[in-house]
C-alpha atoms as a PDB file:
ATOM      1  CA  MET A   1     -80.177 -57.750 -31.440  1.00  0.00           C
ATOM      2  CA  ALA A   2     -76.947 -56.683 -31.635  1.00  0.00           C
ATOM      3  CA  THR A   3     -75.617 -54.203 -28.682  1.00  0.00           C
ATOM      4  CA  ALA A   4     -72.560 -51.921 -29.478  1.00  0.00           C
ATOM      5  CA  PHE A   5     -70.089 -51.612 -26.900  1.00  0.00           C
ATOM      6  CA  SER A   6     -67.975 -48.244 -27.113  1.00  0.00           C
ATOM      7  CA  SER A   7     -64.314 -48.732 -25.370  1.00  0.00           C
ATOM      8  CA  THR A   8     -62.841 -45.668 -23.522  1.00  0.00           C
ATOM      9  CA  ARG A   9     -59.553 -45.305 -24.385  1.00  0.00           C
ATOM     10  CA  PRO A  10     -57.403 -42.798 -22.454  1.00  0.00           C
ATOM     11  CA  THR A  11     -56.436 -39.214 -24.658  1.00  0.00           C
ATOM     12  CA  THR A  12     -53.555 -39.325 -26.293  1.00  0.00           C
ATOM     13  CA  GLY A  13     -52.613 -35.714 -25.073  1.00  0.00           C
ATOM     14  CA  SER A  14     -53.496 -36.577 -21.358  1.00  0.00           C
ATOM     15  CA  PRO A  15     -50.034 -37.526 -18.945  1.00  0.00           C
ATOM     16  CA  GLU A  16     -50.136 -40.681 -17.251  1.00  0.00           C
ATOM     17  CA  LEU A  17     -49.133 -40.602 -13.430  1.00  0.00           C
ATOM     18  CA  ARG A  18     -46.761 -42.163 -12.295  1.00  0.00           C
ATOM     19  CA  LEU A  19     -45.208 -42.578  -8.674  1.00  0.00           C
ATOM     20  CA  ALA A  20     -40.895 -42.061  -8.576  1.00  0.00           C
ATOM     21  CA  PRO A  21     -39.561 -44.700  -6.558  1.00  0.00           C
ATOM     22  CA  THR A  22     -38.039 -42.766  -3.841  1.00  0.00           C
ATOM     23  CA  ARG A  23     -34.700 -43.744  -2.048  1.00  0.00           C
ATOM     24  CA  SER A  24     -33.484 -43.397   1.033  1.00  0.00           C
ATOM     25  CA  ARG A  25     -30.826 -41.516   2.719  1.00  0.00           C
ATOM     26  CA  ARG A  26     -28.239 -42.251   5.502  1.00  0.00           C
ATOM     27  CA  SER A  27     -26.851 -39.651   7.425  1.00  0.00           C
ATOM     28  CA  PRO A  28     -23.247 -40.103   7.062  1.00  0.00           C
ATOM     29  CA  THR A  29     -23.113 -38.905  11.351  1.00  0.00           C
ATOM     30  CA  LEU A  30     -25.812 -41.621  12.024  1.00  0.00           C
ATOM     31  CA  ALA A  31     -24.149 -43.775   9.910  1.00  0.00           C
ATOM     32  CA  VAL A  32     -20.827 -43.418  11.903  1.00  0.00           C
ATOM     33  CA  GLY A  33     -22.433 -43.151  15.278  1.00  0.00           C
ATOM     34  CA  SER A  34     -23.739 -46.914  14.930  1.00  0.00           C
ATOM     35  CA  VAL A  35     -20.163 -48.360  14.032  1.00  0.00           C
ATOM     36  CA  ALA A  36     -19.186 -46.531  17.244  1.00  0.00           C
ATOM     37  CA  LEU A  37     -21.917 -48.263  19.132  1.00  0.00           C
ATOM     38  CA  VAL A  38     -21.451 -51.179  17.786  1.00  0.00           C
ATOM     39  CA  ILE A  39     -17.180 -51.331  18.961  1.00  0.00           C
ATOM     40  CA  VAL A  40     -18.117 -49.947  22.018  1.00  0.00           C
ATOM     41  CA  SER A  41     -20.483 -52.519  22.727  1.00  0.00           C
ATOM     42  CA  ILE A  42     -17.599 -55.075  22.205  1.00  0.00           C
ATOM     43  CA  ALA A  43     -14.876 -53.625  23.926  1.00  0.00           C
ATOM     44  CA  VAL A  44     -17.402 -53.850  27.124  1.00  0.00           C
ATOM     45  CA  PHE A  45     -18.329 -57.245  26.237  1.00  0.00           C
ATOM     46  CA  THR A  46     -14.606 -58.586  26.160  1.00  0.00           C
ATOM     47  CA  ALA A  47     -13.565 -56.790  29.046  1.00  0.00           C
ATOM     48  CA  VAL A  48     -16.636 -58.020  31.080  1.00  0.00           C
ATOM     49  CA  TYR A  49     -16.004 -61.902  29.616  1.00  0.00           C
ATOM     50  CA  VAL A  50     -12.165 -61.464  30.449  1.00  0.00           C
ATOM     51  CA  LYS A  51     -12.934 -60.277  34.058  1.00  0.00           C
ATOM     52  CA  ALA A  52     -15.529 -63.396  34.377  1.00  0.00           C
ATOM     53  CA  GLY A  53     -12.788 -66.035  33.994  1.00  0.00           C
ATOM     54  CA  ASN A  54     -10.143 -63.808  35.947  1.00  0.00           C
ATOM     55  CA  LYS A  55     -11.279 -64.959  39.113  1.00  0.00           C
ATOM     56  CA  GLU A  56      -9.855 -65.244  42.597  1.00  0.00           C
ATOM     57  CA  ALA A  57      -9.718 -66.909  45.693  1.00  0.00           C
ATOM     58  CA  VAL A  58     -10.471 -64.743  48.688  1.00  0.00           C
ATOM     59  CA  LEU A  59     -11.587 -65.078  52.406  1.00  0.00           C
ATOM     60  CA  ALA A  60     -15.450 -64.140  53.410  1.00  0.00           C
ATOM     61  CA  VAL A  61     -17.213 -64.975  56.781  1.00  0.00           C
ATOM     62  CA  SER A  62     -19.023 -67.936  57.763  1.00  0.00           C
ATOM     63  CA  ARG A  63     -20.580 -66.884  60.890  1.00  0.00           C
ATOM     64  CA  VAL A  64     -20.901 -63.952  63.256  1.00  0.00           C
ATOM     65  CA  VAL A  65     -17.672 -62.730  64.595  1.00  0.00           C
ATOM     66  CA  PRO A  66     -18.431 -60.261  67.329  1.00  0.00           C
ATOM     67  CA  MET A  67     -16.500 -57.651  67.796  1.00  0.00           C
ATOM     68  CA  GLY A  68     -12.781 -57.964  69.630  1.00  0.00           C
ATOM     69  CA  GLN A  69     -12.845 -61.648  69.295  1.00  0.00           C
ATOM     70  CA  ILE A  70     -10.098 -64.215  67.947  1.00  0.00           C
ATOM     71  CA  VAL A  71     -10.508 -65.071  64.321  1.00  0.00           C
ATOM     72  CA  THR A  72     -10.817 -69.180  63.821  1.00  0.00           C
ATOM     73  CA  ALA A  73     -10.792 -71.327  60.675  1.00  0.00           C
ATOM     74  CA  ALA A  74     -14.311 -72.079  61.385  1.00  0.00           C
ATOM     75  CA  ASP A  75     -15.121 -68.435  60.816  1.00  0.00           C
ATOM     76  CA  LEU A  76     -13.655 -68.118  57.544  1.00  0.00           C
ATOM     77  CA  THR A  77     -14.698 -69.479  54.085  1.00  0.00           C
ATOM     78  CA  VAL A  78     -13.213 -69.728  50.635  1.00  0.00           C
ATOM     79  CA  VAL A  79     -15.117 -67.666  47.416  1.00  0.00           C
ATOM     80  CA  LYS A  80     -14.130 -67.094  44.142  1.00  0.00           C
ATOM     81  CA  VAL A  81     -15.151 -63.392  42.664  1.00  0.00           C
ATOM     82  CA  SER A  82     -13.911 -61.399  39.910  1.00  0.00           C
ATOM     83  CA  ALA A  83     -11.330 -58.662  40.441  1.00  0.00           C
ATOM     84  CA  SER A  84     -12.459 -55.253  41.650  1.00  0.00           C
ATOM     85  CA  ALA A  85     -11.772 -52.624  43.762  1.00  0.00           C
ATOM     86  CA  VAL A  86     -13.269 -53.675  46.869  1.00  0.00           C
ATOM     87  CA  SER A  87     -10.721 -54.648  49.412  1.00  0.00           C
ATOM     88  CA  THR A  88     -10.379 -58.587  50.246  1.00  0.00           C
ATOM     89  CA  VAL A  89      -7.886 -60.862  51.486  1.00  0.00           C
ATOM     90  CA  SER A  90      -6.336 -63.872  49.609  1.00  0.00           C
ATOM     91  CA  ALA A  91      -7.424 -67.156  50.358  1.00  0.00           C
ATOM     92  CA  GLY A  92      -3.440 -68.013  50.588  1.00  0.00           C
ATOM     93  CA  GLN A  93      -3.516 -65.268  53.432  1.00  0.00           C
ATOM     94  CA  ALA A  94      -5.896 -67.328  55.757  1.00  0.00           C
ATOM     95  CA  SER A  95      -2.805 -68.597  58.066  1.00  0.00           C
ATOM     96  CA  ALA A  96      -2.349 -64.983  58.561  1.00  0.00           C
ATOM     97  CA  VAL A  97      -5.526 -63.899  59.550  1.00  0.00           C
ATOM     98  CA  ILE A  98      -6.727 -67.193  62.018  1.00  0.00           C
ATOM     99  CA  GLY A  99      -5.963 -65.815  65.370  1.00  0.00           C
ATOM    100  CA  GLN A 100      -6.158 -61.737  65.073  1.00  0.00           C
ATOM    101  CA  ARG A 101      -8.841 -60.490  66.108  1.00  0.00           C
ATOM    102  CA  ALA A 102     -12.258 -58.005  64.874  1.00  0.00           C
ATOM    103  CA  ALA A 103     -11.913 -54.641  64.534  1.00  0.00           C
ATOM    104  CA  GLU A 104     -15.399 -54.674  64.348  1.00  0.00           C
ATOM    105  CA  SER A 105     -18.407 -57.189  64.117  1.00  0.00           C
ATOM    106  CA  LEU A 106     -17.735 -59.477  61.011  1.00  0.00           C
ATOM    107  CA  LEU A 107     -20.969 -60.777  59.645  1.00  0.00           C
ATOM    108  CA  PRO A 108     -21.470 -63.932  57.688  1.00  0.00           C
ATOM    109  CA  GLY A 109     -21.807 -63.496  53.750  1.00  0.00           C
ATOM    110  CA  THR A 110     -19.562 -60.847  53.459  1.00  0.00           C
ATOM    111  CA  LEU A 111     -16.314 -60.311  51.990  1.00  0.00           C
ATOM    112  CA  LEU A 112     -12.931 -59.933  54.135  1.00  0.00           C
ATOM    113  CA  SER A 113     -11.139 -57.337  54.398  1.00  0.00           C
ATOM    114  CA  ALA A 114      -7.445 -56.267  56.224  1.00  0.00           C
ATOM    115  CA  GLY A 115      -9.020 -53.283  57.791  1.00  0.00           C
ATOM    116  CA  GLU A 116     -11.609 -55.498  59.631  1.00  0.00           C
ATOM    117  CA  LEU A 117      -8.604 -57.005  61.945  1.00  0.00           C
ATOM    118  CA  GLU A 118      -6.290 -56.316  63.828  1.00  0.00           C
ATOM    119  CA  ARG A 119      -3.720 -58.032  65.789  1.00  0.00           C
ATOM    120  CA  SER A 120      -4.899 -57.164  69.205  1.00  0.00           C
ATOM    121  CA  PHE A 121      -8.302 -55.476  70.828  1.00  0.00           C
ATOM    122  CA  SER A 122      -8.704 -51.541  70.968  1.00  0.00           C
ATOM    123  CA  PRO A 123     -11.479 -50.896  72.076  1.00  0.00           C
ATOM    124  CA  PRO A 124     -13.905 -48.010  70.171  1.00  0.00           C
ATOM    125  CA  ARG A 125     -13.408 -43.928  70.925  1.00  0.00           C
ATOM    126  CA  CYS A 126     -14.683 -43.324  74.199  1.00  0.00           C
ATOM    127  CA  GLN A 127     -15.295 -46.980  75.337  1.00  0.00           C
ATOM    128  CA  ALA A 128     -12.887 -49.376  77.598  1.00  0.00           C
ATOM    129  CA  VAL A 129     -12.470 -52.945  78.580  1.00  0.00           C
ATOM    130  CA  VAL A 130     -13.450 -54.051  82.241  1.00  0.00           C
ATOM    131  CA  GLY A 131     -14.040 -56.882  83.853  1.00  0.00           C
ATOM    132  CA  VAL A 132     -16.048 -58.207  86.407  1.00  0.00           C
ATOM    133  CA  ALA A 133     -15.916 -61.313  88.535  1.00  0.00           C
ATOM    134  CA  VAL A 134     -19.408 -62.642  89.120  1.00  0.00           C
ATOM    135  CA  LYS A 135     -20.723 -66.116  90.574  1.00  0.00           C
ATOM    136  CA  GLU A 136     -23.713 -67.687  90.264  1.00  0.00           C
ATOM    137  CA  GLY A 137     -27.271 -66.079  90.626  1.00  0.00           C
ATOM    138  CA  GLN A 138     -24.847 -62.746  89.367  1.00  0.00           C
ATOM    139  CA  LEU A 139     -25.769 -64.092  86.182  1.00  0.00           C
ATOM    140  CA  PRO A 140     -27.768 -66.516  84.069  1.00  0.00           C
ATOM    141  CA  ALA A 141     -27.746 -70.005  84.397  1.00  0.00           C
ATOM    142  CA  ALA A 142     -26.162 -70.308  80.899  1.00  0.00           C
ATOM    143  CA  GLY A 143     -23.629 -68.405  81.542  1.00  0.00           C
ATOM    144  CA  VAL A 144     -22.674 -65.256  78.958  1.00  0.00           C
ATOM    145  CA  VAL A 145     -20.753 -66.048  75.743  1.00  0.00           C
ATOM    146  CA  ALA A 146     -18.874 -63.199  73.672  1.00  0.00           C
ATOM    147  CA  GLY A 147     -20.751 -61.517  71.461  1.00  0.00           C
ATOM    148  CA  GLU A 148     -23.993 -61.100  73.899  1.00  0.00           C
ATOM    149  CA  THR A 149     -25.949 -57.869  75.358  1.00  0.00           C
ATOM    150  CA  VAL A 150     -25.664 -57.715  78.421  1.00  0.00           C
ATOM    151  CA  ASP A 151     -26.875 -54.903  81.299  1.00  0.00           C
ATOM    152  CA  VAL A 152     -24.432 -54.415  83.847  1.00  0.00           C
ATOM    153  CA  ILE A 153     -26.514 -54.130  87.500  1.00  0.00           C
ATOM    154  CA  LEU A 154     -26.114 -52.818  90.841  1.00  0.00           C
ATOM    155  CA  THR A 155     -26.965 -55.407  93.625  1.00  0.00           C
ATOM    156  CA  GLY A 156     -25.706 -53.019  96.454  1.00  0.00           C
ATOM    157  CA  LEU A 157     -23.355 -50.371  97.859  1.00  0.00           C
ATOM    158  CA  THR A 158     -20.384 -50.831  99.396  1.00  0.00           C
ATOM    159  CA  PRO A 159     -20.128 -49.506 103.071  1.00  0.00           C
ATOM    160  CA  THR A 160     -17.924 -46.690 103.532  1.00  0.00           C
ATOM    161  CA  PRO A 161     -16.982 -44.695 106.593  1.00  0.00           C
ATOM    162  CA  ASP A 162     -18.906 -41.497 105.123  1.00  0.00           C
ATOM    163  CA  SER A 163     -21.905 -43.724 103.627  1.00  0.00           C
ATOM    164  CA  THR A 164     -24.086 -42.697 106.936  1.00  0.00           C
ATOM    165  CA  ALA A 165     -24.469 -39.284 108.347  1.00  0.00           C
ATOM    166  CA  THR A 166     -23.924 -38.675 112.131  1.00  0.00           C
ATOM    167  CA  ASP A 167     -27.821 -38.076 112.858  1.00  0.00           C
ATOM    168  CA  GLY A 168     -28.109 -42.193 111.241  1.00  0.00           C
ATOM    169  CA  SER A 169     -29.562 -40.482 107.756  1.00  0.00           C
ATOM    170  CA  ALA A 170     -27.876 -41.700 104.340  1.00  0.00           C
ATOM    171  CA  ALA A 171     -25.483 -39.945 102.967  1.00  0.00           C
ATOM    172  CA  THR A 172     -26.192 -39.619  99.218  1.00  0.00           C
ATOM    173  CA  ASP A 173     -22.941 -37.399  98.687  1.00  0.00           C
ATOM    174  CA  GLY A 174     -19.803 -39.822  96.535  1.00  0.00           C
ATOM    175  CA  ALA A 175     -22.151 -42.148  96.461  1.00  0.00           C
ATOM    176  CA  PRO A 176     -21.980 -44.642  93.187  1.00  0.00           C
ATOM    177  CA  THR A 177     -24.116 -43.264  90.190  1.00  0.00           C
ATOM    178  CA  SER A 178     -25.476 -44.638  87.014  1.00  0.00           C
ATOM    179  CA  ALA A 179     -24.808 -44.141  83.599  1.00  0.00           C
ATOM    180  CA  ASN A 180     -27.708 -42.334  83.265  1.00  0.00           C
ATOM    181  CA  GLY A 181     -26.599 -40.328  86.349  1.00  0.00           C
ATOM    182  CA  SER A 182     -29.416 -41.935  88.458  1.00  0.00           C
ATOM    183  CA  LEU A 183     -28.488 -42.824  92.388  1.00  0.00           C
ATOM    184  CA  GLY A 184     -26.800 -45.861  92.576  1.00  0.00           C
ATOM    185  CA  VAL A 185     -28.910 -47.484  94.538  1.00  0.00           C
ATOM    186  CA  ALA A 186     -29.685 -52.033  94.457  1.00  0.00           C
ATOM    187  CA  GLY A 187     -31.078 -52.722  91.489  1.00  0.00           C
ATOM    188  CA  ALA A 188     -29.710 -49.678  89.370  1.00  0.00           C
ATOM    189  CA  THR A 189     -28.686 -50.421  86.447  1.00  0.00           C
ATOM    190  CA  LEU A 190     -24.632 -49.294  85.843  1.00  0.00           C
ATOM    191  CA  VAL A 191     -24.300 -49.688  82.577  1.00  0.00           C
ATOM    192  CA  PRO A 192     -27.381 -50.640  79.572  1.00  0.00           C
ATOM    193  CA  GLY A 193     -26.502 -52.749  76.906  1.00  0.00           C
ATOM    194  CA  ALA A 194     -22.326 -53.739  77.329  1.00  0.00           C
ATOM    195  CA  SER A 195     -20.835 -55.918  75.238  1.00  0.00           C
ATOM    196  CA  VAL A 196     -19.538 -59.235  76.067  1.00  0.00           C
ATOM    197  CA  LEU A 197     -15.349 -59.486  75.075  1.00  0.00           C
ATOM    198  CA  ALA A 198     -14.873 -62.611  76.719  1.00  0.00           C
ATOM    199  CA  SER A 199     -16.224 -65.099  79.652  1.00  0.00           C
ATOM    200  CA  VAL A 200     -13.583 -67.683  81.105  1.00  0.00           C
ATOM    201  CA  PRO A 201     -13.753 -69.712  84.217  1.00  0.00           C
ATOM    202  CA  ALA A 202     -11.738 -68.261  87.420  1.00  0.00           C
ATOM    203  CA  SER A 203      -7.857 -70.086  87.696  1.00  0.00           C
ATOM    204  CA  ALA A 204      -8.166 -73.104  89.800  1.00  0.00           C
ATOM    205  CA  SER A 205      -5.477 -71.320  91.581  1.00  0.00           C
ATOM    206  CA  SER A 206      -7.977 -68.432  92.911  1.00  0.00           C
ATOM    207  CA  GLY A 207     -10.296 -70.803  95.250  1.00  0.00           C
ATOM    208  CA  THR A 208     -13.263 -69.548  94.121  1.00  0.00           C
ATOM    209  CA  ASP A 209     -15.904 -70.482  91.197  1.00  0.00           C
ATOM    210  CA  GLU A 210     -16.203 -67.190  90.378  1.00  0.00           C
ATOM    211  CA  ILE A 211     -16.245 -66.241  86.253  1.00  0.00           C
ATOM    212  CA  ASP A 212     -14.187 -63.360  85.189  1.00  0.00           C
ATOM    213  CA  VAL A 213     -16.078 -61.640  82.121  1.00  0.00           C
ATOM    214  CA  SER A 214     -14.350 -58.563  80.341  1.00  0.00           C
ATOM    215  CA  LEU A 215     -17.251 -55.953  79.083  1.00  0.00           C
ATOM    216  CA  VAL A 216     -17.142 -53.250  76.493  1.00  0.00           C
ATOM    217  CA  VAL A 217     -18.552 -49.992  78.389  1.00  0.00           C
ATOM    218  CA  PRO A 218     -18.454 -46.322  78.072  1.00  0.00           C
ATOM    219  CA  ALA A 219     -15.144 -45.045  79.576  1.00  0.00           C
ATOM    220  CA  ALA A 220     -16.571 -42.939  82.111  1.00  0.00           C
ATOM    221  CA  VAL A 221     -18.323 -45.518  83.626  1.00  0.00           C
ATOM    222  CA  ALA A 222     -15.387 -47.983  84.043  1.00  0.00           C
ATOM    223  CA  PRO A 223     -14.295 -47.382  87.212  1.00  0.00           C
ATOM    224  CA  LEU A 224     -17.446 -47.432  88.747  1.00  0.00           C
ATOM    225  CA  VAL A 225     -18.285 -50.763  87.661  1.00  0.00           C
ATOM    226  CA  ALA A 226     -14.326 -51.937  88.408  1.00  0.00           C
ATOM    227  CA  GLY A 227     -15.228 -50.897  92.048  1.00  0.00           C
ATOM    228  CA  ALA A 228     -18.759 -52.910  92.260  1.00  0.00           C
ATOM    229  CA  SER A 229     -17.027 -56.167  90.777  1.00  0.00           C
ATOM    230  CA  ALA A 230     -14.617 -55.552  93.499  1.00  0.00           C
ATOM    231  CA  ALA A 231     -17.305 -55.359  96.207  1.00  0.00           C
ATOM    232  CA  GLY A 232     -19.204 -58.402  94.457  1.00  0.00           C
ATOM    233  CA  GLN A 233     -22.140 -56.089  93.855  1.00  0.00           C
ATOM    234  CA  VAL A 234     -23.094 -56.243  90.759  1.00  0.00           C
ATOM    235  CA  ALA A 235     -24.683 -58.902  88.330  1.00  0.00           C
ATOM    236  CA  LEU A 236     -25.212 -59.214  84.537  1.00  0.00           C
ATOM    237  CA  VAL A 237     -28.551 -59.773  82.777  1.00  0.00           C
ATOM    238  CA  VAL A 238     -28.590 -60.907  79.007  1.00  0.00           C
ATOM    239  CA  VAL A 239     -30.808 -58.295  76.856  1.00  0.00           C
ATOM    240  CA  ARG A 240     -31.593 -58.136  73.433  1.00  0.00           C
ATOM    241  CA  PRO A 241     -29.660 -55.517  71.490  1.00  0.00           C
ATOM    242  CA  GLY A 242     -30.378 -52.362  71.447  1.00  0.00           C
ATOM    243  CA  SER A 243     -33.029 -52.394  73.892  1.00  0.00           C
END
């Protein structure tokens, strides 16, 4: 028996559905912006590339230089950096830098600037440089070096005509006072956290084994420190900065 198949054909009158291809439209503003961005990127890249190739040899700090210390060749190193707005000192000026003093503490790894140097040291505002003469027993056995921080200790009071009242009691009028205003008795701290500017042995002509130490102290107590030193009644204790 033969099976008959019927084929179904679309009706002649029915329309065939087709998707029309879409055309992308690019905004003129977006296109112009993209071109501008590319141009700016190229300009920036070119500027950075040129600047990177235009490096200068400048001076940098190789080790700590305490405030007021004379800068030596060992304190400096030469590095190459890209030209920038940062104030630097050309490596060719090294001979002019050596022998100047640090106007502030110089830290290793930092670029040196002319503003950090001065021909002669001037203490900061409201500070003064005072010299004290100390001998064995009045400072650590290893001595003190520039850049260290010390407490200036009063070891005694210099007898004066009015240091004892007529009734035998101790008089406090005119007695030295420490930086914090306490009575200047033996063991009192005259100046906490003074900076050592220099430390040198006394000259041979002086006939003493004392060490002359220059300290940066508050100007208000500088006369007190000088007087106590002249009386041989100060001692120096090395402390941690900021303690």
